[in-house]
Amino acid sequence: LKWRPQSLSEVVGQEHITHTLRNALRSGRISHAYLLTGPRGTGKTSTGRILAKAVNCLDNQGKDEPCNKCSMCQAITEGRAMDVIEIDAASNRGIDDIRDLREKAGFAPNVARRKVYIIDEVHMLTTPASNALLKTLEEPPPHVLFILATTESHQLLPTIISRCQRYDFHRLSMAAVVKRLGQICQKEGFTIEEEVLKLIAKSATGSLRDAENILEQLISTYGDIVTLDQARLVLNATSESQVRELAVYIMNSDIQGGVNAINRIAQDGVDLAQLHRGLLDYIRNLLFTRIGADQSIEATREEKQEMKKLAVSVSPEFLFKALRAFGEKDQKMDSYSTLPLELALLEACLTSGDRGKESAVRKQESGVRPTTASARAQTETAAKPGDREPDTEYRKQGSVSR
């Protein structure tokens, strides 16, 4: 809450949205309804509050940012502004709630220039409530601004979407999350290694709010100094060496070594779901490295060189089959079961014919080799016409006696 952005310039990783909103504020062309959609923790609600401050700021006439100093900006920041109403649609999702909103929206604002309704998780509204909200969006009062936020825009009525200016928030890149966490640590006086920040950003999966919560948890546990081993212990994260070791077994089609590695990692108490995700990312990076698309990989130069050495030993087809084999296995149901990973390992290694090597299973088979078509033809021509197999002759004699 302390580091929530208070201006559009502080919103991280959403420049395509903040630039448009700043131009609209500067020119005075503010729409009556905005739809902010995207993954959790990417700044949707914070942007809605900043927009509410900007349209009602007492000192930003013709400016593109709220001053955050006037009485109105401070009231909205502290959540005590009567004309900025936040509604949680997950708890107030019925038609009676929307009817009450429609009745109150008709009244003029008390102090602010515009009355702002921020409806969070708007996709949770019932169908009758959505239809009632649609009527208000069709004929909105001139002094009302609606800001709808949701993570599931596809569940909204198309007619509601068509009456709003839609802005899609993206997941934040790892570099953007690491940069923001570094700024927070510097201002708070925390001593945290950069590798810890990268681990936090990776665990947050593009959500800055989740990353800040993880950082707060680590600080509460270990104090102002956090090491990489401590962060891995709290996050139950898989080390890069474990993922790399398992990937090497897969590239070599070493089933025995891979199965032993999976069970050894499981016995160490590592969350196998995180191991699964880390392995998927690593095989993906190997595939992109093999086809020459390593620009889309977030890794250091040394890590890219190591992946390149490993990727050249296999074909792109094999990497694709391995990625699909592990991608089809669901590890969410049981994070402590080794069976999904073992099945994916078998499937990946048994399709290793593209590598030009025998699979590990064929090495364990008996010495009987299947005959080729030419060998069968030579055998058939060498046989005499009158030759019969003993079991065939025996069956014929048995039928005559019967």
Protein backbone atom coordinates (compact mmCIF):
# COMPACT_ATOMS: atom_id res chain seq x y z
CA LEU A 1 0.00 0.00 0.00
CA LYS A 2 2.86 2.37 0.77
CA TRP A 3 4.39 2.00 -2.69
CA ARG A 4 1.15 2.04 -4.68
CA PRO A 5 1.58 4.46 -7.63
CA GLN A 6 0.03 7.88 -7.07
CA SER A 7 0.57 9.30 -10.56
CA LEU A 8 0.46 7.94 -14.09
CA SER A 9 4.22 8.27 -14.41
CA GLU A 10 4.66 5.84 -11.51
CA VAL A 11 2.59 3.07 -13.12
CA VAL A 12 5.13 0.42 -14.15
CA GLY A 13 5.11 -1.34 -17.49
CA GLN A 14 1.89 0.15 -18.92
CA GLU A 15 3.25 3.04 -20.95
CA HIS A 16 0.85 2.37 -23.82
CA ILE A 17 -2.04 3.17 -21.45
CA THR A 18 -0.58 5.98 -19.37
CA HIS A 19 0.54 7.86 -22.47
CA THR A 20 -2.99 7.81 -23.90
CA LEU A 21 -4.61 8.86 -20.62
CA ARG A 22 -2.16 11.74 -20.15
CA ASN A 23 -2.96 13.03 -23.62
CA ALA A 24 -6.69 12.82 -22.85
CA LEU A 25 -6.23 14.73 -19.58
CA ARG A 26 -4.09 17.36 -21.25
CA SER A 27 -6.66 17.96 -24.00
CA GLY A 28 -9.68 17.63 -21.71
CA ARG A 29 -11.20 14.78 -23.75
CA ILE A 30 -12.26 12.48 -20.96
CA SER A 31 -14.68 9.67 -21.77
CA HIS A 32 -17.67 8.85 -19.58
CA ALA A 33 -16.62 5.18 -19.12
CA TYR A 34 -13.34 3.28 -19.13
CA LEU A 35 -12.78 -0.47 -19.08
CA LEU A 36 -9.45 -1.53 -17.56
CA THR A 37 -8.76 -5.21 -18.12
CA GLY A 38 -5.75 -7.45 -17.62
CA PRO A 39 -4.02 -9.87 -15.23
CA ARG A 40 -4.04 -9.30 -11.48
CA GLY A 41 -1.53 -6.96 -9.90
CA THR A 42 -0.75 -4.98 -13.05
CA GLY A 43 -2.14 -1.60 -11.94
CA LYS A 44 -5.78 -1.50 -13.04
CA THR A 45 -7.36 -0.24 -9.82
CA SER A 46 -4.42 2.09 -9.09
CA THR A 47 -4.79 3.63 -12.55
CA GLY A 48 -8.50 4.12 -11.93
CA ARG A 49 -7.81 5.97 -8.68
CA ILE A 50 -5.15 8.13 -10.34
CA LEU A 51 -7.61 9.00 -13.11
CA ALA A 52 -10.23 9.90 -10.50
CA LYS A 53 -7.73 12.24 -8.83
CA ALA A 54 -6.65 13.78 -12.13
CA VAL A 55 -10.17 14.73 -13.25
CA ASN A 56 -10.97 16.25 -9.84
CA CYS A 57 -7.61 17.80 -8.93
CA LEU A 58 -7.90 21.46 -7.92
CA ASP A 59 -4.50 22.47 -9.32
CA ASN A 60 -4.10 20.56 -12.57
CA GLN A 61 -6.13 22.58 -15.02
CA GLY A 62 -4.81 21.49 -18.41
CA LYS A 63 -2.21 19.18 -16.83
CA ASP A 64 -1.79 15.46 -17.36
CA GLU A 65 -1.08 14.43 -13.76
CA PRO A 66 -2.74 14.99 -10.36
CA CYS A 67 -0.82 17.25 -8.02
CA ASN A 68 -1.29 14.89 -5.02
CA LYS A 69 -1.08 17.97 -2.77
CA CYS A 70 -4.48 19.63 -2.89
CA SER A 71 -7.25 18.68 -0.50
CA MET A 72 -9.14 16.73 -3.16
CA CYS A 73 -6.15 14.61 -4.18
CA GLN A 74 -5.32 13.83 -0.57
CA ALA A 75 -8.94 12.91 0.19
CA ILE A 76 -9.04 10.47 -2.72
CA THR A 77 -5.67 9.00 -1.77
CA GLU A 78 -6.83 8.45 1.80
CA GLY A 79 -10.16 6.99 0.68
CA ARG A 80 -12.40 9.61 2.31
CA ALA A 81 -13.66 11.43 -0.77
CA MET A 82 -17.45 11.19 -0.89
CA ASP A 83 -17.61 11.64 -4.65
CA VAL A 84 -15.25 8.74 -5.49
CA ILE A 85 -17.09 5.50 -4.80
CA GLU A 86 -15.35 2.12 -5.07
CA ILE A 87 -17.60 -0.91 -5.46
CA ASP A 88 -16.52 -4.54 -5.23
CA ALA A 89 -18.72 -6.31 -7.76
CA ALA A 90 -17.86 -9.68 -6.24
CA SER A 91 -19.71 -8.70 -3.04
CA ASN A 92 -22.27 -6.30 -4.53
CA ARG A 93 -23.30 -8.17 -7.63
CA GLY A 94 -27.08 -8.09 -7.51
CA ILE A 95 -29.55 -5.97 -9.43
CA ASP A 96 -30.57 -4.11 -6.25
CA ASP A 97 -26.99 -2.87 -5.83
CA ILE A 98 -26.89 -1.53 -9.38
CA ARG A 99 -30.32 0.08 -8.99
CA ASP A 100 -29.04 1.88 -5.90
CA LEU A 101 -26.00 2.99 -7.90
CA ARG A 102 -28.24 4.36 -10.68
CA GLU A 103 -30.34 6.35 -8.26
CA LYS A 104 -27.34 7.93 -6.52
CA ALA A 105 -25.50 8.59 -9.79
CA GLY A 106 -28.21 11.05 -10.77
CA PHE A 107 -27.33 13.41 -7.91
CA ALA A 108 -24.69 16.05 -8.48
CA PRO A 109 -21.30 15.59 -6.75
CA ASN A 110 -20.89 17.14 -3.32
CA VAL A 111 -17.45 18.74 -3.65
CA ALA A 112 -15.65 17.30 -6.67
CA ARG A 113 -16.19 18.28 -10.27
CA ARG A 114 -17.14 14.75 -11.31
CA LYS A 115 -18.54 11.80 -9.42
CA VAL A 116 -16.41 8.72 -10.10
CA TYR A 117 -17.56 5.12 -9.71
CA ILE A 118 -14.77 2.52 -9.69
CA ILE A 119 -16.34 -0.94 -10.08
CA ASP A 120 -13.76 -3.65 -9.45
CA GLU A 121 -14.20 -7.22 -10.78
CA VAL A 122 -17.15 -6.03 -12.82
CA HIS A 123 -17.44 -9.42 -14.54
CA MET A 124 -18.90 -10.82 -11.29
CA LEU A 125 -22.18 -8.94 -11.77
CA THR A 126 -25.24 -11.04 -12.46
CA THR A 127 -26.90 -10.84 -15.86
CA PRO A 128 -29.81 -8.65 -14.63
CA ALA A 129 -27.33 -6.38 -12.85
CA SER A 130 -25.21 -6.12 -16.00
CA ASN A 131 -28.26 -5.14 -18.02
CA ALA A 132 -29.14 -2.50 -15.44
CA LEU A 133 -25.60 -1.12 -15.59
CA LEU A 134 -25.81 -1.10 -19.37
CA LYS A 135 -28.78 1.27 -19.24
CA THR A 136 -26.75 3.71 -17.16
CA LEU A 137 -23.79 3.50 -19.53
CA GLU A 138 -26.07 4.20 -22.49
CA GLU A 139 -27.38 7.45 -20.98
CA PRO A 140 -24.84 8.54 -18.37
CA PRO A 141 -25.25 11.76 -16.40
CA PRO A 142 -22.75 14.40 -17.58
CA HIS A 143 -21.07 14.63 -14.17
CA VAL A 144 -20.41 10.89 -13.73
CA LEU A 145 -17.31 8.91 -14.70
CA PHE A 146 -17.39 5.10 -14.68
CA ILE A 147 -14.17 3.10 -14.37
CA LEU A 148 -14.69 -0.66 -14.73
CA ALA A 149 -11.86 -3.03 -13.79
CA THR A 150 -11.79 -6.76 -14.46
CA THR A 151 -9.49 -9.70 -15.04
CA GLU A 152 -12.08 -11.55 -17.16
CA SER A 153 -13.26 -9.17 -19.84
CA HIS A 154 -14.61 -12.01 -21.98
CA GLN A 155 -17.35 -12.58 -19.38
CA LEU A 156 -18.75 -9.08 -19.85
CA LEU A 157 -21.66 -8.29 -22.10
CA PRO A 158 -20.43 -7.15 -25.52
CA THR A 159 -22.78 -4.18 -25.28
CA ILE A 160 -21.04 -3.01 -22.08
CA ILE A 161 -17.62 -3.32 -23.70
CA SER A 162 -18.76 -1.35 -26.73
CA ARG A 163 -19.80 1.61 -24.54
CA CYS A 164 -16.40 1.93 -22.81
CA GLN A 165 -12.93 2.92 -23.83
CA ARG A 166 -11.04 -0.30 -23.35
CA TYR A 167 -7.43 -0.48 -22.12
CA ASP A 168 -5.66 -3.83 -21.87
CA PHE A 169 -3.00 -4.12 -19.17
CA HIS A 170 -0.09 -6.47 -19.85
CA ARG A 171 1.93 -8.67 -17.56
CA LEU A 172 5.07 -6.89 -16.46
CA SER A 173 8.42 -8.03 -17.78
CA MET A 174 10.95 -9.44 -15.36
CA ALA A 175 13.26 -6.49 -15.98
CA ALA A 176 10.51 -3.99 -15.07
CA VAL A 177 9.64 -5.83 -11.86
CA VAL A 178 13.31 -6.13 -10.83
CA LYS A 179 13.86 -2.43 -11.48
CA ARG A 180 10.85 -1.44 -9.38
CA LEU A 181 11.82 -3.74 -6.52
CA GLY A 182 15.34 -2.35 -6.62
CA GLN A 183 14.00 1.19 -6.26
CA ILE A 184 11.90 0.16 -3.26
CA CYS A 185 14.86 -1.56 -1.60
CA GLN A 186 17.10 1.44 -2.17
CA LYS A 187 14.64 3.89 -0.64
CA GLU A 188 13.80 1.58 2.26
CA GLY A 189 17.43 0.75 3.00
CA PHE A 190 17.19 -2.99 2.28
CA THR A 191 20.24 -5.01 1.24
CA ILE A 192 19.06 -7.65 -1.19
CA GLU A 193 21.01 -9.37 -3.93
CA GLU A 194 19.92 -8.86 -7.51
CA GLU A 195 19.48 -12.61 -7.94
CA VAL A 196 16.93 -12.52 -5.11
CA LEU A 197 14.99 -9.80 -6.93
CA LYS A 198 15.06 -11.90 -10.11
CA LEU A 199 13.76 -14.90 -8.19
CA ILE A 200 10.95 -12.78 -6.73
CA ALA A 201 10.05 -11.42 -10.17
CA LYS A 202 10.00 -14.92 -11.62
CA SER A 203 7.74 -16.20 -8.84
CA ALA A 204 5.36 -13.25 -9.28
CA THR A 205 4.72 -14.15 -12.96
CA GLY A 206 4.30 -10.58 -14.13
CA SER A 207 2.30 -9.25 -11.17
CA LEU A 208 3.99 -6.32 -9.43
CA ARG A 209 1.63 -6.54 -6.46
CA ASP A 210 2.55 -10.19 -5.91
CA ALA A 211 6.23 -9.30 -6.18
CA GLU A 212 5.91 -6.55 -3.57
CA ASN A 213 4.03 -8.93 -1.25
CA ILE A 214 6.80 -11.52 -1.61
CA LEU A 215 9.42 -8.87 -0.89
CA GLU A 216 7.53 -7.79 2.22
CA GLN A 217 7.31 -11.39 3.38
CA LEU A 218 11.07 -11.90 2.98
CA ILE A 219 11.84 -8.68 4.87
CA SER A 220 9.49 -9.69 7.67
CA THR A 221 11.19 -13.08 7.91
CA TYR A 222 14.89 -12.23 7.63
CA GLY A 223 15.15 -8.50 8.21
CA ASP A 224 16.85 -5.94 5.98
CA ILE A 225 19.38 -8.41 4.52
CA VAL A 226 18.11 -11.33 2.44
CA THR A 227 20.29 -13.90 0.66
CA LEU A 228 19.44 -16.12 -2.28
CA ASP A 229 19.34 -19.32 -0.19
CA GLN A 230 16.92 -17.70 2.26
CA ALA A 231 14.65 -16.57 -0.57
CA ARG A 232 14.64 -20.07 -2.08
CA LEU A 233 13.76 -21.54 1.29
CA VAL A 234 10.75 -19.23 1.73
CA LEU A 235 9.53 -19.53 -1.85
CA ASN A 236 10.32 -23.26 -2.03
CA ALA A 237 11.88 -22.43 -5.36
CA THR A 238 13.76 -24.79 -7.61
CA SER A 239 17.40 -23.94 -8.19
CA GLU A 240 18.64 -23.40 -11.72
CA SER A 241 21.14 -26.22 -11.29
CA GLN A 242 18.37 -28.76 -10.63
CA VAL A 243 16.43 -27.66 -13.71
CA ARG A 244 19.59 -27.71 -15.82
CA GLU A 245 20.57 -31.17 -14.56
CA LEU A 246 17.19 -32.63 -15.47
CA ALA A 247 17.29 -30.93 -18.88
CA VAL A 248 20.65 -32.54 -19.63
CA TYR A 249 19.20 -35.99 -18.89
CA ILE A 250 16.31 -35.25 -21.26
CA MET A 251 18.62 -34.07 -24.05
CA ASN A 252 20.67 -37.27 -23.69
CA SER A 253 17.53 -39.45 -23.51
CA ASP A 254 18.83 -40.84 -20.23
CA ILE A 255 15.66 -42.21 -18.65
CA GLN A 256 17.35 -43.81 -15.69
CA GLY A 257 19.29 -40.69 -14.76
CA GLY A 258 16.24 -38.47 -15.25
CA VAL A 259 13.98 -40.62 -13.06
CA ASN A 260 16.61 -40.74 -10.32
CA ALA A 261 17.01 -36.96 -10.50
CA ILE A 262 13.25 -36.35 -10.23
CA ASN A 263 12.92 -38.58 -7.18
CA ARG A 264 16.01 -37.11 -5.53
CA ILE A 265 14.64 -33.57 -6.02
CA ALA A 266 11.27 -34.67 -4.65
CA GLN A 267 12.92 -36.14 -1.56
CA ASP A 268 14.62 -32.79 -0.95
CA GLY A 269 11.16 -31.26 -0.46
CA VAL A 270 11.15 -29.16 -3.63
CA ASP A 271 7.74 -28.16 -5.00
CA LEU A 272 7.44 -30.27 -8.14
CA ALA A 273 4.96 -27.83 -9.67
CA GLN A 274 7.65 -25.15 -9.63
CA LEU A 275 10.17 -27.64 -10.98
CA HIS A 276 7.72 -28.37 -13.78
CA ARG A 277 7.33 -24.68 -14.65
CA GLY A 278 11.07 -24.09 -14.50
CA LEU A 279 11.74 -27.06 -16.77
CA LEU A 280 9.16 -25.85 -19.28
CA ASP A 281 10.79 -22.44 -19.40
CA TYR A 282 14.24 -23.97 -19.80
CA ILE A 283 13.21 -26.32 -22.65
CA ARG A 284 11.45 -23.37 -24.30
CA ASN A 285 14.65 -21.36 -24.09
CA LEU A 286 16.59 -24.27 -25.54
CA LEU A 287 14.16 -24.48 -28.46
CA PHE A 288 14.37 -20.76 -29.18
CA THR A 289 18.15 -20.92 -28.92
CA ARG A 290 18.26 -23.84 -31.35
CA ILE A 291 16.19 -22.02 -33.99
CA GLY A 292 18.08 -18.75 -33.55
CA ALA A 293 15.36 -16.79 -31.70
CA ASP A 294 17.36 -16.23 -28.52
CA GLN A 295 16.49 -12.51 -28.51
CA SER A 296 13.22 -13.38 -26.76
CA ILE A 297 15.03 -15.17 -23.92
CA GLU A 298 15.58 -13.41 -20.61
CA ALA A 299 19.01 -14.72 -19.62
CA THR A 300 22.56 -13.56 -19.18
CA ARG A 301 25.18 -13.95 -21.91
CA GLU A 302 26.85 -16.83 -20.05
CA GLU A 303 23.52 -18.64 -19.64
CA LYS A 304 22.75 -18.22 -23.35
CA GLN A 305 26.14 -19.66 -24.30
CA GLU A 306 25.57 -22.65 -22.04
CA MET A 307 22.11 -23.25 -23.51
CA LYS A 308 23.53 -22.98 -27.01
CA LYS A 309 26.08 -25.73 -26.29
CA LEU A 310 23.31 -27.98 -25.01
CA ALA A 311 20.80 -27.16 -27.75
CA VAL A 312 23.09 -27.93 -30.71
CA SER A 313 23.27 -31.60 -29.68
CA VAL A 314 19.60 -32.19 -30.51
CA SER A 315 17.23 -31.26 -33.32
CA PRO A 316 14.48 -28.63 -33.11
CA GLU A 317 11.93 -31.41 -33.64
CA PHE A 318 13.14 -33.25 -30.55
CA LEU A 319 13.01 -30.07 -28.45
CA PHE A 320 9.49 -29.38 -29.68
CA LYS A 321 8.35 -32.90 -28.79
CA ALA A 322 9.95 -32.63 -25.35
CA LEU A 323 8.30 -29.25 -24.75
CA ARG A 324 4.92 -30.62 -25.79
CA ALA A 325 5.37 -33.73 -23.63
CA PHE A 326 6.01 -31.70 -20.47
CA GLY A 327 3.46 -29.05 -21.41
CA GLU A 328 0.63 -31.57 -21.63
CA LYS A 329 1.24 -32.90 -18.12
CA ASP A 330 -0.71 -31.13 -15.38
CA GLN A 331 1.21 -30.73 -12.12
CA LYS A 332 -1.43 -28.62 -10.37
CA MET A 333 -3.47 -31.49 -9.00
CA ASP A 334 -0.68 -32.96 -6.88
CA SER A 335 2.48 -30.93 -6.42
CA TYR A 336 4.19 -33.81 -4.59
CA SER A 337 3.60 -36.61 -7.09
CA THR A 338 6.50 -37.52 -9.36
CA LEU A 339 4.31 -39.45 -11.81
CA PRO A 340 3.46 -36.55 -14.22
CA LEU A 341 7.12 -35.61 -14.56
CA GLU A 342 8.17 -39.24 -14.99
CA LEU A 343 5.54 -39.81 -17.70
CA ALA A 344 6.64 -36.66 -19.52
CA LEU A 345 10.27 -37.77 -19.27
CA LEU A 346 9.44 -41.15 -20.78
CA GLU A 347 7.40 -39.61 -23.57
CA ALA A 348 10.15 -37.12 -24.40
CA CYS A 349 12.95 -39.69 -24.38
CA LEU A 350 11.00 -42.32 -26.33
CA THR A 351 10.54 -39.85 -29.21
CA SER A 352 14.28 -39.27 -29.54
CA GLY A 353 14.57 -40.79 -33.00
CA ASP A 354 15.22 -37.34 -34.46
CA ARG A 355 18.52 -37.20 -32.59
CA GLY A 356 19.94 -40.10 -34.67
CA LYS A 357 20.57 -42.22 -31.57
CA GLU A 358 18.97 -45.29 -30.08
CA SER A 359 16.61 -44.57 -27.25
CA ALA A 360 17.35 -45.80 -23.77
CA VAL A 361 14.57 -48.37 -24.03
CA ARG A 362 15.94 -49.97 -27.20
CA LYS A 363 19.32 -50.35 -25.55
CA GLN A 364 17.66 -52.48 -22.90
CA GLU A 365 15.83 -54.72 -25.35
CA SER A 366 17.00 -58.18 -26.40
CA GLY A 367 19.50 -58.75 -29.19
CA VAL A 368 16.82 -59.82 -31.70
CA ARG A 369 16.83 -57.40 -34.60
CA PRO A 370 13.85 -56.95 -36.89
CA THR A 371 14.56 -58.18 -40.41
CA THR A 372 14.40 -55.75 -43.26
CA ALA A 373 12.24 -56.17 -46.37
CA SER A 374 15.20 -57.24 -48.53
CA ALA A 375 16.28 -59.85 -45.97
CA ARG A 376 12.79 -61.30 -45.87
CA ALA A 377 12.71 -61.49 -49.67
CA GLN A 378 16.01 -63.40 -49.78
CA THR A 379 14.76 -65.86 -47.18
CA GLU A 380 11.54 -66.53 -49.07
CA THR A 381 13.37 -67.22 -52.39
CA ALA A 382 15.86 -69.53 -50.70
CA ALA A 383 13.07 -71.71 -49.26
CA LYS A 384 11.87 -74.72 -51.31
CA PRO A 385 8.28 -74.88 -52.52
CA GLY A 386 7.63 -78.19 -50.79
CA ASP A 387 8.89 -77.08 -47.43
CA ARG A 388 6.28 -76.80 -44.73
CA GLU A 389 6.47 -75.69 -41.19
CA PRO A 390 6.16 -78.57 -38.68
CA ASP A 391 3.32 -77.01 -36.79
CA THR A 392 1.36 -76.46 -40.02
CA GLU A 393 1.77 -80.13 -41.04
CA TYR A 394 0.76 -81.23 -37.56
CA ARG A 395 -2.41 -79.15 -37.68
CA LYS A 396 -3.35 -80.65 -41.07
CA GLN A 397 -2.83 -84.20 -39.87
CA GLY A 398 -4.90 -83.54 -36.81
CA SER A 399 -7.80 -82.27 -38.87
CA VAL A 400 -7.77 -85.41 -41.12
CA SER A 401 -7.83 -87.79 -38.16
CA ARG A 402 -10.79 -85.94 -36.69
